[in-house]
Amino acid sequence: EDQQTLKQQQQLLQTQNQQWDRNQQTLEIEQQTLEENQQQLQLDQQTLQSEQEHLQTEQHRLKRTRQAIQADQTKLQSDQQMLQSQQMKLKADQKKLQSHQAKIQSDQ
């Protein structure tokens, strides 16, 4: 009977050992999965960081372009004002010439 009990205990221990081995394997697989996930997260983070830097560079470029466009607009407005004043001066000169011409013709 003792031998029967010993055999049963041995089988129980063996079963527990097998279960422990399976648990150990499961833990190792989970550990590996976690490490892989961590590596993927690091890669994703690096990608996001480089995308963010790219966006910031693009933002700076757009800001400089907008400033250049605004400067061009300001210059165009001042050129336009100058042209308008020259045009008004030319019209006034033209009127003077016309009245001068009319005076010459009436004198003849």
Protein backbone atom coordinates (compact mmCIF):
# COMPACT_ATOMS: atom_id res chain seq x y z
CA GLU A 1 0.00 0.00 0.00
CA ASP A 2 2.86 2.34 0.76
CA GLN A 3 4.24 1.66 -2.66
CA GLN A 4 0.84 2.53 -4.18
CA THR A 5 0.77 5.80 -2.24
CA LEU A 6 4.35 6.60 -3.27
CA LYS A 7 3.47 5.92 -6.89
CA GLN A 8 0.47 8.22 -6.68
CA GLN A 9 2.57 10.97 -5.08
CA GLN A 10 5.19 10.52 -7.77
CA GLN A 11 2.56 10.82 -10.49
CA LEU A 12 1.13 13.90 -8.84
CA LEU A 13 4.59 15.46 -8.66
CA GLN A 14 5.20 14.60 -12.28
CA THR A 15 1.89 16.19 -13.29
CA GLN A 16 2.73 19.30 -11.27
CA ASN A 17 6.18 19.41 -12.87
CA GLN A 18 4.67 19.23 -16.33
CA GLN A 19 2.21 21.95 -15.44
CA TRP A 20 5.05 24.09 -14.09
CA ASP A 21 7.01 23.54 -17.33
CA ARG A 22 4.00 24.61 -19.40
CA ASN A 23 3.51 27.68 -17.23
CA GLN A 24 7.20 28.49 -17.60
CA GLN A 25 6.97 28.20 -21.40
CA THR A 26 3.86 30.39 -21.45
CA LEU A 27 5.64 33.02 -19.36
CA GLU A 28 8.67 32.95 -21.66
CA ILE A 29 6.44 33.43 -24.71
CA GLU A 30 4.62 36.31 -23.01
CA GLN A 31 7.97 37.87 -22.07
CA GLN A 32 9.14 37.61 -25.68
CA THR A 33 5.88 39.13 -26.95
CA LEU A 34 6.25 42.01 -24.50
CA GLU A 35 9.80 42.66 -25.68
CA GLU A 36 8.70 42.63 -29.32
CA ASN A 37 5.84 45.01 -28.52
CA GLN A 38 8.26 47.31 -26.72
CA GLN A 39 10.60 47.35 -29.74
CA GLN A 40 7.65 48.13 -32.03
CA LEU A 41 6.57 50.95 -29.73
CA GLN A 42 10.08 52.42 -29.82
CA LEU A 43 10.07 52.25 -33.63
CA ASP A 44 6.64 53.90 -33.75
CA GLN A 45 7.85 56.61 -31.39
CA GLN A 46 10.90 57.29 -33.58
CA THR A 47 8.68 57.46 -36.66
CA LEU A 48 6.31 59.88 -34.94
CA GLN A 49 9.22 62.02 -33.80
CA SER A 50 10.68 62.28 -37.30
CA GLU A 51 7.22 63.07 -38.72
CA GLN A 52 6.82 65.78 -36.09
CA GLU A 53 10.21 67.27 -37.01
CA HIS A 54 9.23 67.16 -40.69
CA LEU A 55 5.95 68.94 -39.92
CA GLN A 56 7.75 71.62 -37.91
CA THR A 57 10.17 72.21 -40.79
CA GLU A 58 7.25 72.45 -43.21
CA GLN A 59 5.50 74.87 -40.84
CA HIS A 60 8.59 77.12 -40.72
CA ARG A 61 8.84 77.02 -44.52
CA LEU A 62 5.17 78.00 -44.88
CA LYS A 63 5.64 80.84 -42.39
CA ARG A 64 8.61 82.20 -44.37
CA THR A 65 6.63 81.90 -47.62
CA ARG A 66 3.69 83.77 -46.10
CA GLN A 67 6.01 86.53 -44.88
CA ALA A 68 7.56 86.81 -48.35
CA ILE A 69 4.10 87.03 -49.95
CA GLN A 70 3.06 89.75 -47.48
CA ALA A 71 6.23 91.72 -48.26
CA ASP A 72 5.52 91.40 -52.00
CA GLN A 73 1.94 92.57 -51.45
CA THR A 74 3.12 95.62 -49.52
CA LYS A 75 5.59 96.52 -52.28
CA LEU A 76 2.92 96.07 -54.96
CA GLN A 77 0.57 98.37 -53.06
CA SER A 78 3.22 101.08 -52.76
CA ASP A 79 4.12 100.67 -56.47
CA GLN A 80 0.43 100.99 -57.32
CA GLN A 81 0.09 104.17 -55.26
CA MET A 82 3.16 105.63 -56.96
CA LEU A 83 1.76 104.77 -60.41
CA GLN A 84 -1.59 106.35 -59.53
CA SER A 85 0.07 109.61 -58.44
CA GLN A 86 2.19 109.64 -61.63
CA GLN A 87 -0.98 109.05 -63.66
CA MET A 88 -2.71 111.99 -61.94
CA LYS A 89 0.33 114.19 -62.63
CA LEU A 90 0.31 113.14 -66.31
CA LYS A 91 -3.41 113.97 -66.59
CA ALA A 92 -2.80 117.39 -65.06
CA ASP A 93 0.12 118.00 -67.47
CA GLN A 94 -2.10 116.88 -70.37
CA LYS A 95 -4.80 119.38 -69.36
CA LYS A 96 -2.19 122.15 -69.18
CA LEU A 97 -0.95 121.22 -72.66
CA GLN A 98 -4.48 121.15 -74.03
CA SER A 99 -5.32 124.58 -72.61
CA HIS A 100 -1.97 125.89 -73.86
CA GLN A 101 -2.72 124.47 -77.33
CA ALA A 102 -6.19 125.99 -77.29
CA LYS A 103 -4.69 129.36 -76.36
CA ILE A 104 -2.16 129.14 -79.23
CA GLN A 105 -4.92 128.24 -81.69
CA SER A 106 -7.12 131.12 -80.53
CA ASP A 107 -4.17 133.48 -80.82
CA GLN A 108 -3.69 132.48 -84.46
